[in-house]
N, C-alpha and C. Protein backbone atom coordinates (compact mmCIF):
# COMPACT_ATOMS: atom_id res chain seq x y z
N MET A 1 4.29 -18.38 7.64
CA MET A 1 4.01 -16.97 7.84
C MET A 1 5.00 -16.15 6.99
N HIS A 2 4.47 -15.18 6.27
CA HIS A 2 5.28 -14.30 5.44
C HIS A 2 5.79 -13.09 6.23
N ARG A 3 6.90 -12.58 5.81
CA ARG A 3 7.43 -11.32 6.34
C ARG A 3 6.80 -10.20 5.50
N VAL A 4 6.42 -9.10 6.12
CA VAL A 4 5.82 -7.96 5.42
C VAL A 4 6.82 -6.82 5.42
N VAL A 5 7.11 -6.29 4.22
CA VAL A 5 8.03 -5.17 4.09
C VAL A 5 7.41 -4.10 3.18
N PHE A 6 7.93 -2.90 3.32
CA PHE A 6 7.50 -1.77 2.50
C PHE A 6 8.67 -1.32 1.65
N ALA A 7 8.47 -1.25 0.34
CA ALA A 7 9.48 -0.72 -0.56
C ALA A 7 9.68 0.76 -0.22
N PRO A 8 10.84 1.32 -0.57
CA PRO A 8 11.07 2.75 -0.29
C PRO A 8 9.97 3.65 -0.86
N GLU A 9 9.45 3.33 -2.02
CA GLU A 9 8.36 4.13 -2.61
C GLU A 9 7.11 4.07 -1.75
N ALA A 10 6.80 2.90 -1.20
CA ALA A 10 5.63 2.76 -0.33
C ALA A 10 5.84 3.51 0.98
N GLU A 11 7.06 3.48 1.51
CA GLU A 11 7.35 4.25 2.73
C GLU A 11 7.16 5.74 2.47
N ASN A 12 7.60 6.20 1.31
CA ASN A 12 7.39 7.60 0.95
C ASN A 12 5.91 7.90 0.77
N ASP A 13 5.18 6.97 0.16
CA ASP A 13 3.73 7.16 0.01
C ASP A 13 3.07 7.31 1.38
N LEU A 14 3.48 6.49 2.36
CA LEU A 14 2.92 6.59 3.71
C LEU A 14 3.23 7.96 4.33
N LEU A 15 4.44 8.42 4.16
CA LEU A 15 4.81 9.73 4.69
C LEU A 15 3.97 10.83 4.05
N GLN A 16 3.85 10.78 2.72
CA GLN A 16 3.06 11.80 2.02
C GLN A 16 1.60 11.75 2.43
N LEU A 17 1.08 10.55 2.64
CA LEU A 17 -0.30 10.38 3.10
C LEU A 17 -0.47 10.99 4.49
N TYR A 18 0.46 10.69 5.37
CA TYR A 18 0.43 11.27 6.71
C TYR A 18 0.43 12.81 6.64
N LEU A 19 1.34 13.36 5.86
CA LEU A 19 1.44 14.82 5.76
C LEU A 19 0.16 15.44 5.21
N TYR A 20 -0.43 14.80 4.21
CA TYR A 20 -1.67 15.30 3.62
C TYR A 20 -2.80 15.30 4.64
N ILE A 21 -2.97 14.17 5.34
CA ILE A 21 -4.06 14.08 6.32
C ILE A 21 -3.81 15.03 7.48
N ALA A 22 -2.55 15.13 7.92
CA ALA A 22 -2.23 16.03 9.03
C ALA A 22 -2.58 17.47 8.68
N GLU A 23 -2.31 17.86 7.45
CA GLU A 23 -2.64 19.21 7.02
C GLU A 23 -4.15 19.44 6.98
N GLN A 24 -4.89 18.42 6.57
CA GLN A 24 -6.34 18.54 6.43
C GLN A 24 -7.08 18.37 7.75
N ALA A 25 -6.58 17.43 8.61
CA ALA A 25 -7.37 17.03 9.78
C ALA A 25 -6.58 16.94 11.08
N GLY A 26 -5.31 17.25 11.05
CA GLY A 26 -4.52 17.24 12.28
C GLY A 26 -3.64 16.00 12.41
N ASP A 27 -2.59 16.16 13.23
CA ASP A 27 -1.61 15.10 13.42
C ASP A 27 -2.19 13.82 14.01
N ALA A 28 -3.06 13.96 15.00
CA ALA A 28 -3.61 12.78 15.68
C ALA A 28 -4.41 11.92 14.71
N ARG A 29 -5.22 12.54 13.89
CA ARG A 29 -6.03 11.78 12.93
C ARG A 29 -5.13 11.15 11.86
N ALA A 30 -4.12 11.87 11.43
CA ALA A 30 -3.19 11.34 10.43
C ALA A 30 -2.44 10.13 10.97
N LEU A 31 -1.95 10.24 12.19
CA LEU A 31 -1.22 9.13 12.80
C LEU A 31 -2.12 7.91 12.98
N ALA A 32 -3.33 8.13 13.45
CA ALA A 32 -4.27 7.02 13.64
C ALA A 32 -4.56 6.31 12.31
N TYR A 33 -4.74 7.08 11.26
CA TYR A 33 -5.04 6.49 9.95
C TYR A 33 -3.86 5.67 9.44
N VAL A 34 -2.67 6.24 9.50
CA VAL A 34 -1.48 5.54 9.00
C VAL A 34 -1.21 4.29 9.83
N GLU A 35 -1.40 4.37 11.13
CA GLU A 35 -1.20 3.17 11.97
C GLU A 35 -2.21 2.09 11.62
N ARG A 36 -3.45 2.47 11.38
CA ARG A 36 -4.48 1.50 10.98
C ARG A 36 -4.12 0.85 9.64
N LEU A 37 -3.63 1.64 8.72
CA LEU A 37 -3.21 1.13 7.42
C LEU A 37 -2.03 0.17 7.56
N GLU A 38 -1.06 0.52 8.39
CA GLU A 38 0.09 -0.36 8.61
C GLU A 38 -0.33 -1.68 9.25
N ARG A 39 -1.26 -1.63 10.20
CA ARG A 39 -1.77 -2.88 10.82
C ARG A 39 -2.44 -3.76 9.78
N TYR A 40 -3.21 -3.14 8.91
CA TYR A 40 -3.87 -3.89 7.84
C TYR A 40 -2.83 -4.59 6.96
N CYS A 41 -1.80 -3.86 6.59
CA CYS A 41 -0.74 -4.44 5.76
C CYS A 41 -0.04 -5.59 6.46
N LYS A 42 0.23 -5.43 7.74
CA LYS A 42 0.92 -6.50 8.49
C LYS A 42 0.07 -7.76 8.58
N GLY A 43 -1.24 -7.63 8.44
CA GLY A 43 -2.12 -8.79 8.42
C GLY A 43 -1.90 -9.70 7.22
N PHE A 44 -1.21 -9.19 6.20
CA PHE A 44 -0.91 -10.00 5.02
C PHE A 44 0.13 -11.07 5.32
N ALA A 45 0.77 -11.01 6.47
CA ALA A 45 1.75 -12.03 6.85
C ALA A 45 1.09 -13.40 6.89
N GLU A 46 -0.15 -13.46 7.32
CA GLU A 46 -0.85 -14.75 7.42
C GLU A 46 -1.66 -15.09 6.17
N PHE A 47 -2.18 -14.10 5.49
CA PHE A 47 -3.00 -14.34 4.30
C PHE A 47 -2.53 -13.42 3.17
N PRO A 48 -1.43 -13.76 2.51
CA PRO A 48 -0.82 -12.84 1.55
C PRO A 48 -1.50 -12.77 0.17
N GLU A 49 -2.22 -13.78 -0.22
CA GLU A 49 -2.76 -13.84 -1.59
C GLU A 49 -4.12 -13.15 -1.70
N ARG A 50 -4.22 -11.96 -1.18
CA ARG A 50 -5.47 -11.19 -1.27
C ARG A 50 -5.43 -10.30 -2.51
N GLY A 51 -6.55 -9.67 -2.75
CA GLY A 51 -6.58 -8.68 -3.80
C GLY A 51 -6.74 -9.26 -5.18
N THR A 52 -6.51 -8.41 -6.15
CA THR A 52 -6.68 -8.74 -7.56
C THR A 52 -5.33 -8.79 -8.24
N SER A 53 -5.12 -9.82 -9.03
CA SER A 53 -3.89 -9.92 -9.80
C SER A 53 -3.88 -8.85 -10.88
N ARG A 54 -2.74 -8.15 -11.02
CA ARG A 54 -2.60 -7.13 -12.07
C ARG A 54 -1.35 -7.41 -12.89
N ASP A 55 -1.27 -8.66 -13.37
CA ASP A 55 -0.14 -9.05 -14.21
C ASP A 55 -0.05 -8.21 -15.47
N ASP A 56 -1.17 -7.56 -15.86
CA ASP A 56 -1.16 -6.69 -17.04
C ASP A 56 -0.26 -5.47 -16.84
N LEU A 57 -0.06 -5.06 -15.59
CA LEU A 57 0.81 -3.92 -15.29
C LEU A 57 2.23 -4.35 -14.98
N PHE A 58 2.34 -5.46 -14.24
CA PHE A 58 3.66 -5.97 -13.84
C PHE A 58 3.47 -7.41 -13.38
N PRO A 59 4.29 -8.34 -13.85
CA PRO A 59 4.13 -9.74 -13.45
C PRO A 59 4.20 -9.91 -11.93
N GLY A 60 3.19 -10.55 -11.37
CA GLY A 60 3.14 -10.81 -9.94
C GLY A 60 2.50 -9.72 -9.10
N LEU A 61 2.15 -8.59 -9.73
CA LEU A 61 1.56 -7.47 -9.00
C LEU A 61 0.14 -7.83 -8.57
N ARG A 62 -0.18 -7.47 -7.33
CA ARG A 62 -1.54 -7.63 -6.81
C ARG A 62 -1.97 -6.27 -6.25
N VAL A 63 -3.28 -6.02 -6.26
CA VAL A 63 -3.82 -4.75 -5.76
C VAL A 63 -5.02 -5.05 -4.88
N VAL A 64 -5.08 -4.33 -3.76
CA VAL A 64 -6.22 -4.45 -2.85
C VAL A 64 -6.54 -3.06 -2.31
N GLY A 65 -7.81 -2.83 -2.01
CA GLY A 65 -8.22 -1.54 -1.47
C GLY A 65 -8.22 -1.53 0.04
N PHE A 66 -8.13 -0.32 0.60
CA PHE A 66 -8.22 -0.12 2.04
C PHE A 66 -9.13 1.06 2.30
N GLU A 67 -10.21 0.80 3.03
CA GLU A 67 -11.17 1.84 3.45
C GLU A 67 -11.60 2.77 2.31
N ARG A 68 -11.83 2.25 1.16
CA ARG A 68 -12.39 2.94 0.00
C ARG A 68 -11.55 4.07 -0.56
N ARG A 69 -10.46 4.47 0.08
CA ARG A 69 -9.69 5.61 -0.40
C ARG A 69 -8.26 5.26 -0.80
N VAL A 70 -7.79 4.07 -0.45
CA VAL A 70 -6.40 3.72 -0.67
C VAL A 70 -6.33 2.42 -1.48
N SER A 71 -5.43 2.40 -2.45
CA SER A 71 -5.11 1.18 -3.19
C SER A 71 -3.69 0.76 -2.82
N LEU A 72 -3.54 -0.49 -2.46
CA LEU A 72 -2.24 -1.04 -2.09
C LEU A 72 -1.75 -1.93 -3.21
N ALA A 73 -0.59 -1.63 -3.74
CA ALA A 73 0.04 -2.45 -4.79
C ALA A 73 1.17 -3.23 -4.14
N PHE A 74 1.16 -4.55 -4.32
CA PHE A 74 2.14 -5.39 -3.65
C PHE A 74 2.44 -6.63 -4.47
N HIS A 75 3.50 -7.32 -4.08
CA HIS A 75 3.80 -8.62 -4.68
C HIS A 75 4.23 -9.58 -3.59
N VAL A 76 4.04 -10.87 -3.87
CA VAL A 76 4.28 -11.92 -2.90
C VAL A 76 5.34 -12.86 -3.44
N THR A 77 6.33 -13.18 -2.61
CA THR A 77 7.31 -14.22 -2.94
C THR A 77 7.08 -15.37 -1.96
N ALA A 78 7.95 -16.34 -1.99
CA ALA A 78 7.78 -17.53 -1.15
C ALA A 78 7.66 -17.19 0.33
N ASP A 79 8.36 -16.14 0.78
CA ASP A 79 8.33 -15.84 2.22
C ASP A 79 8.11 -14.36 2.55
N THR A 80 7.86 -13.51 1.55
CA THR A 80 7.76 -12.07 1.79
C THR A 80 6.58 -11.46 1.02
N VAL A 81 5.90 -10.54 1.67
CA VAL A 81 4.93 -9.67 1.01
C VAL A 81 5.56 -8.28 0.99
N THR A 82 5.76 -7.75 -0.22
CA THR A 82 6.35 -6.42 -0.36
C THR A 82 5.30 -5.46 -0.88
N PHE A 83 5.01 -4.44 -0.09
CA PHE A 83 4.12 -3.38 -0.54
C PHE A 83 4.95 -2.41 -1.36
N ASP A 84 4.60 -2.30 -2.64
CA ASP A 84 5.36 -1.49 -3.59
C ASP A 84 4.91 -0.04 -3.58
N ARG A 85 3.61 0.18 -3.54
CA ARG A 85 3.06 1.54 -3.55
C ARG A 85 1.79 1.56 -2.70
N ILE A 86 1.51 2.72 -2.12
CA ILE A 86 0.30 2.97 -1.36
C ILE A 86 -0.30 4.23 -1.95
N LEU A 87 -1.40 4.06 -2.67
CA LEU A 87 -1.95 5.13 -3.50
C LEU A 87 -3.25 5.65 -2.89
N TYR A 88 -3.27 6.94 -2.59
CA TYR A 88 -4.41 7.56 -1.92
C TYR A 88 -5.26 8.35 -2.90
N GLY A 89 -6.56 8.24 -2.73
CA GLY A 89 -7.49 9.12 -3.40
C GLY A 89 -7.56 8.99 -4.90
N GLY A 90 -7.50 7.79 -5.41
CA GLY A 90 -7.73 7.58 -6.82
C GLY A 90 -6.53 7.80 -7.73
N ARG A 91 -5.31 7.85 -7.17
CA ARG A 91 -4.14 7.94 -8.05
C ARG A 91 -4.15 6.74 -8.97
N ASP A 92 -3.76 6.96 -10.20
CA ASP A 92 -3.86 5.95 -11.23
C ASP A 92 -2.65 4.99 -11.17
N LEU A 93 -2.96 3.73 -10.88
CA LEU A 93 -1.92 2.71 -10.79
C LEU A 93 -1.20 2.52 -12.12
N GLY A 94 -1.92 2.59 -13.21
CA GLY A 94 -1.32 2.40 -14.53
C GLY A 94 -0.27 3.45 -14.84
N SER A 95 -0.49 4.69 -14.46
CA SER A 95 0.47 5.74 -14.75
C SER A 95 1.74 5.58 -13.92
N LEU A 96 1.64 4.93 -12.76
CA LEU A 96 2.82 4.73 -11.92
C LEU A 96 3.81 3.77 -12.57
N SER A 97 3.32 2.84 -13.37
CA SER A 97 4.22 1.91 -14.02
C SER A 97 5.10 2.65 -15.04
N ASP A 98 4.67 3.83 -15.48
CA ASP A 98 5.46 4.64 -16.40
C ASP A 98 6.56 5.44 -15.68
N GLU A 99 6.43 5.58 -14.33
CA GLU A 99 7.40 6.34 -13.55
C GLU A 99 8.72 5.60 -13.42
N SER A 100 8.69 4.28 -13.51
CA SER A 100 9.89 3.47 -13.28
C SER A 100 10.93 3.69 -14.34
């Protein structure tokens, strides 16, 4: 079983996602969505090799979608799944590699 962690950038992405949804639809809906997303991520502890390999952007990077609106960028080591970014609403994964 792998340990699931969120990089600081992914934690910030979750916060920004919460704030955006809360502004649009209220705190309760925002909290429910973020909790559902976190549960989904924690499910990677048992099956970490999901998604599509994106070695073209970064060696070892994998990407998977969540509920048609979110892209999760993560990498897997021998015992850990690290969610690097949580991208909402079509943010371009390729442009994020330029932010580093």
